[in-house]
N, C-alpha and C. Protein backbone atom coordinates (compact mmCIF):
# COMPACT_ATOMS: atom_id res chain seq x y z
N MET A 1 20.22 36.71 17.14
CA MET A 1 19.31 36.08 18.19
C MET A 1 17.81 36.68 17.69
N ALA A 2 17.62 38.01 17.27
CA ALA A 2 16.72 38.57 17.23
C ALA A 2 15.62 38.13 16.02
N ALA A 3 16.94 37.95 14.57
CA ALA A 3 16.49 37.53 13.14
C ALA A 3 15.94 36.29 13.40
N ILE A 4 16.21 35.41 14.33
CA ILE A 4 15.69 33.88 14.18
C ILE A 4 14.16 34.38 15.16
N ASP A 5 14.15 34.67 16.06
CA ASP A 5 12.95 35.03 17.00
C ASP A 5 12.25 35.37 15.91
N ASP A 6 12.40 36.42 15.02
CA ASP A 6 11.35 37.28 13.79
C ASP A 6 11.00 36.53 12.69
N ARG A 7 12.05 35.36 12.51
CA ARG A 7 11.60 34.23 11.60
C ARG A 7 10.57 33.41 12.24
N GLN A 8 10.55 32.79 13.59
CA GLN A 8 9.81 31.97 14.17
C GLN A 8 8.69 32.33 14.62
N ALA A 9 8.53 33.70 14.77
CA ALA A 9 7.20 34.48 14.88
C ALA A 9 6.19 34.66 13.49
N GLU A 10 7.12 35.02 12.55
CA GLU A 10 6.68 34.78 11.00
C GLU A 10 5.94 33.76 10.75
N SER A 11 6.88 32.69 10.93
CA SER A 11 6.68 31.27 10.67
C SER A 11 5.17 30.65 11.45
N ALA A 12 5.16 30.91 12.52
CA ALA A 12 4.08 30.93 13.43
C ALA A 12 2.63 31.78 13.27
N ARG A 13 3.08 32.85 12.75
CA ARG A 13 1.97 33.74 12.02
C ARG A 13 1.13 33.11 10.64
N ARG A 14 2.21 32.53 9.97
CA ARG A 14 1.94 31.92 8.65
C ARG A 14 1.04 30.70 8.94
N SER A 15 1.35 30.13 9.58
CA SER A 15 1.06 28.68 10.10
C SER A 15 -0.44 28.72 10.82
N ALA A 16 -0.51 29.99 11.55
CA ALA A 16 -2.22 30.15 11.95
C ALA A 16 -3.15 30.72 10.94
N GLN A 17 -2.32 31.61 9.92
CA GLN A 17 -3.39 32.40 8.80
C GLN A 17 -3.45 30.52 7.87
N ASP A 18 -2.74 29.81 7.76
CA ASP A 18 -2.79 28.35 6.96
C ASP A 18 -3.97 27.60 7.66
N ALA A 19 -3.91 27.67 9.09
CA ALA A 19 -4.76 26.82 9.56
C ALA A 19 -6.16 27.60 9.49
N GLN A 20 -6.30 29.09 9.86
CA GLN A 20 -7.67 29.21 9.52
C GLN A 20 -8.21 29.57 7.97
N GLN A 21 -7.25 29.08 6.89
CA GLN A 21 -7.67 29.25 5.75
C GLN A 21 -8.07 27.85 5.56
N ARG A 22 -7.58 27.18 5.95
CA ARG A 22 -8.24 25.63 6.36
C ARG A 22 -9.32 25.07 6.55
N ALA A 23 -9.49 25.63 7.22
CA ALA A 23 -10.76 25.63 8.23
C ALA A 23 -11.75 26.75 7.43
N ARG A 24 -11.70 27.59 6.92
CA ARG A 24 -12.83 27.95 6.25
C ARG A 24 -12.82 27.51 4.88
N ILE A 25 -11.99 26.85 4.31
CA ILE A 25 -12.38 26.00 3.10
C ILE A 25 -13.43 24.81 3.77
N HIS A 26 -12.83 24.32 4.64
CA HIS A 26 -13.83 23.38 4.95
C HIS A 26 -14.86 23.30 5.46
N GLU A 27 -15.15 24.44 5.86
CA GLU A 27 -16.65 25.06 6.11
C GLU A 27 -17.39 25.39 4.65
N LEU A 28 -16.58 26.01 3.81
CA LEU A 28 -17.29 26.20 2.75
C LEU A 28 -17.95 24.92 1.87
N GLU A 29 -16.98 24.16 2.08
CA GLU A 29 -16.95 22.57 1.12
C GLU A 29 -17.79 22.36 1.98
N ASP A 30 -18.38 22.37 3.30
CA ASP A 30 -19.67 21.57 3.80
C ASP A 30 -20.85 22.25 3.58
N LYS A 31 -20.43 23.56 3.48
CA LYS A 31 -21.91 24.03 2.76
C LYS A 31 -22.10 24.22 1.54
N LEU A 32 -21.03 23.60 0.65
CA LEU A 32 -21.67 23.60 -0.81
C LEU A 32 -22.39 22.07 -0.76
N GLU A 33 -21.55 21.08 0.09
CA GLU A 33 -22.19 19.77 -0.06
C GLU A 33 -23.85 19.83 0.48
N ARG A 34 -24.01 20.79 1.31
CA ARG A 34 -25.42 20.74 1.70
C ARG A 34 -26.38 21.43 0.68
N TYR A 35 -25.59 22.62 -0.05
CA TYR A 35 -26.57 23.15 -1.08
C TYR A 35 -26.86 22.00 -2.12
N LEU A 36 -25.79 21.15 -2.59
CA LEU A 36 -25.94 20.03 -3.88
C LEU A 36 -27.02 19.45 -3.00
N GLN A 37 -26.96 19.02 -1.99
CA GLN A 37 -27.99 18.21 -1.79
C GLN A 37 -29.06 18.15 -1.52
N ALA A 38 -29.62 19.59 -1.23
CA ALA A 38 -30.95 20.28 -0.86
C ALA A 38 -31.57 20.20 -2.29
N THR A 39 -30.55 20.84 -3.42
CA THR A 39 -30.62 20.98 -4.84
C THR A 39 -31.04 19.59 -5.58
N GLU A 40 -30.15 18.58 -4.91
CA GLU A 40 -30.64 17.47 -5.62
C GLU A 40 -32.13 16.79 -4.91
N ASP A 41 -32.24 17.17 -3.77
CA ASP A 41 -33.82 16.76 -2.94
C ASP A 41 -34.70 17.48 -3.67
N ALA A 42 -34.63 18.50 -4.15
CA ALA A 42 -35.33 19.54 -4.95
C ALA A 42 -36.15 18.82 -6.19
N LEU A 43 -35.00 18.35 -7.30
CA LEU A 43 -34.94 17.94 -8.29
C LEU A 43 -35.83 16.65 -8.11
N GLN A 44 -35.66 15.67 -7.01
CA GLN A 44 -36.49 14.86 -6.93
C GLN A 44 -37.64 14.99 -6.93
N GLN A 45 -38.09 15.81 -5.82
CA GLN A 45 -39.33 16.28 -5.84
C GLN A 45 -40.14 16.90 -7.19
N LEU A 46 -39.36 17.46 -7.83
CA LEU A 46 -39.75 18.40 -9.13
C LEU A 46 -40.05 16.83 -9.87
N ASP A 47 -39.11 15.87 -9.67
CA ASP A 47 -39.33 14.84 -10.99
C ASP A 47 -41.06 14.02 -10.37
N TRP A 48 -41.14 13.68 -8.77
CA TRP A 48 -42.15 13.71 -8.53
C TRP A 48 -43.28 14.21 -8.63
N CYS A 49 -43.43 15.37 -9.21
CA CYS A 49 -44.28 16.22 -9.59
C CYS A 49 -44.82 16.38 -11.33
N ILE A 50 -43.67 16.02 -11.92
CA ILE A 50 -43.55 15.88 -13.11
C ILE A 50 -44.53 14.80 -13.57
N GLY A 51 -44.07 13.68 -12.86
CA GLY A 51 -44.52 12.29 -13.05
C GLY A 51 -46.28 12.45 -12.50
N TYR A 52 -46.54 13.27 -11.17
CA TYR A 52 -47.59 13.21 -10.99
C TYR A 52 -48.41 13.89 -12.11
N MET A 53 -48.12 15.11 -12.68
CA MET A 53 -48.87 15.70 -13.41
C MET A 53 -48.90 14.82 -15.02
N HIS A 54 -47.76 14.29 -15.38
CA HIS A 54 -48.30 13.71 -16.31
C HIS A 54 -49.39 12.40 -16.50
N GLY A 55 -49.63 11.99 -14.91
CA GLY A 55 -50.32 10.80 -15.05
C GLY A 55 -51.41 11.01 -14.71
N CYS A 56 -51.81 12.81 -14.34
CA CYS A 56 -53.27 13.41 -14.41
C CYS A 56 -53.65 13.80 -15.78
N GLY A 57 -52.48 13.69 -16.73
CA GLY A 57 -53.01 14.23 -18.27
C GLY A 57 -52.89 15.56 -18.11
N LYS A 58 -52.22 16.04 -17.38
CA LYS A 58 -51.61 17.65 -17.52
C LYS A 58 -50.60 17.62 -18.23
N LYS A 59 -50.22 16.83 -19.47
CA LYS A 59 -48.91 17.12 -20.10
C LYS A 59 -48.33 18.29 -20.42
N GLY A 60 -49.14 19.08 -20.65
CA GLY A 60 -48.36 20.45 -20.81
C GLY A 60 -47.49 21.08 -19.50
N VAL A 61 -48.22 20.75 -18.58
CA VAL A 61 -47.71 21.25 -17.38
C VAL A 61 -46.41 20.28 -16.83
N ALA A 62 -46.74 19.20 -17.02
CA ALA A 62 -45.33 18.22 -16.91
C ALA A 62 -44.28 18.76 -18.19
N ARG A 63 -44.55 18.82 -19.28
CA ARG A 63 -43.59 19.14 -19.91
C ARG A 63 -42.95 20.83 -19.82
N SER A 64 -43.76 21.91 -19.15
CA SER A 64 -43.11 23.03 -18.71
C SER A 64 -42.37 22.50 -17.23
N LEU A 65 -42.67 21.79 -16.69
CA LEU A 65 -41.79 21.54 -15.31
C LEU A 65 -40.57 20.55 -15.65
N ALA A 66 -40.93 19.95 -16.63
CA ALA A 66 -39.33 19.07 -17.48
C ALA A 66 -38.80 20.12 -17.84
N ARG A 67 -38.99 21.15 -18.68
CA ARG A 67 -38.06 22.26 -18.89
C ARG A 67 -36.91 22.84 -18.27
N ASN A 68 -38.30 23.29 -16.98
CA ASN A 68 -37.63 23.79 -15.79
C ASN A 68 -36.48 23.24 -15.20
N ARG A 69 -36.85 21.58 -14.89
CA ARG A 69 -35.75 21.01 -14.29
C ARG A 69 -34.43 20.54 -15.10
N SER A 70 -34.69 20.26 -16.61
CA SER A 70 -33.28 20.24 -17.41
C SER A 70 -32.83 21.53 -17.26
N TYR A 71 -33.46 22.95 -17.23
CA TYR A 71 -32.38 24.01 -17.12
C TYR A 71 -31.65 24.05 -15.70
N ILE A 72 -32.51 23.60 -14.93
CA ILE A 72 -31.64 23.72 -13.54
C ILE A 72 -30.91 22.85 -13.63
N ARG A 73 -30.77 21.61 -14.03
CA ARG A 73 -29.81 20.57 -14.19
C ARG A 73 -28.52 20.85 -14.69
N THR A 74 -28.90 21.79 -15.94
CA THR A 74 -27.80 21.86 -17.08
C THR A 74 -27.09 23.38 -16.45
N HIS A 75 -27.41 24.26 -16.31
CA HIS A 75 -27.18 25.44 -15.97
C HIS A 75 -26.60 26.10 -14.61
N VAL A 76 -27.42 25.09 -13.50
CA VAL A 76 -26.99 25.76 -12.04
C VAL A 76 -25.97 24.56 -11.44
N LEU A 77 -26.51 23.16 -11.99
CA LEU A 77 -25.56 22.40 -11.46
C LEU A 77 -24.57 21.61 -12.32
N ARG A 78 -24.56 22.38 -13.63
CA ARG A 78 -23.81 22.06 -14.62
C ARG A 78 -23.15 20.45 -14.76
N ARG A 79 -24.96 20.06 -14.96
CA ARG A 79 -24.63 18.32 -15.13
C ARG A 79 -25.52 18.28 -16.16
N ALA A 80 -25.11 16.83 -16.74
CA ALA A 80 -25.69 16.11 -18.14
C ALA A 80 -27.13 16.33 -18.27
N GLU A 81 -27.83 16.54 -18.76
CA GLU A 81 -29.27 16.48 -19.54
C GLU A 81 -29.70 15.18 -19.01
N GLU A 82 -30.72 14.86 -18.25
CA GLU A 82 -31.32 13.74 -17.78
C GLU A 82 -32.84 13.53 -18.30
N PRO A 83 -33.26 12.62 -19.03
CA PRO A 83 -34.86 12.55 -19.07
C PRO A 83 -35.61 12.14 -17.79
N VAL A 84 -36.77 12.45 -18.03
CA VAL A 84 -37.92 11.99 -16.48
C VAL A 84 -38.46 10.56 -17.05
N PRO A 85 -38.71 9.89 -16.39
CA PRO A 85 -39.81 9.04 -17.16
C PRO A 85 -40.80 9.14 -17.65
N SER A 86 -41.61 10.55 -17.33
CA SER A 86 -42.65 10.95 -18.50
C SER A 86 -42.19 11.20 -19.88
N GLN A 87 -40.79 11.82 -19.53
CA GLN A 87 -40.42 12.35 -21.33
C GLN A 87 -40.09 11.47 -21.96
N GLN A 88 -39.53 10.14 -21.24
CA GLN A 88 -38.94 8.58 -21.60
C GLN A 88 -40.57 8.29 -22.12
N ASP A 89 -41.29 8.37 -21.85
CA ASP A 89 -42.92 7.45 -21.95
C ASP A 89 -43.35 8.05 -23.71
N ASP A 90 -43.09 9.67 -23.31
CA ASP A 90 -43.33 10.34 -24.42
C ASP A 90 -42.34 9.93 -25.79
N GLU A 91 -40.95 9.84 -25.69
CA GLU A 91 -40.29 9.40 -26.76
C GLU A 91 -40.92 7.94 -27.60
N ARG A 92 -41.53 7.02 -26.91
CA ARG A 92 -41.59 5.93 -27.28
C ARG A 92 -42.86 5.92 -28.15
């Protein structure tokens, strides 16, 4: 009978640990999603700045910002590079 109680206690302990791990994973996934959203928002703001600088004739500044944006997108987010509108205009 003691062996059965020990197994039940061990099973309950493992279930509790599993539940804690699932809760922690969910918390980390939520945090990751918030960070990714913040990064996307920052990239959109950077896109606006690049377009503004390009429109003001400060094309060198716009190019530098675009390189920074490209680095963030490819190395931090590990996503494919995508040109900003001012880069597309320069390529035509």
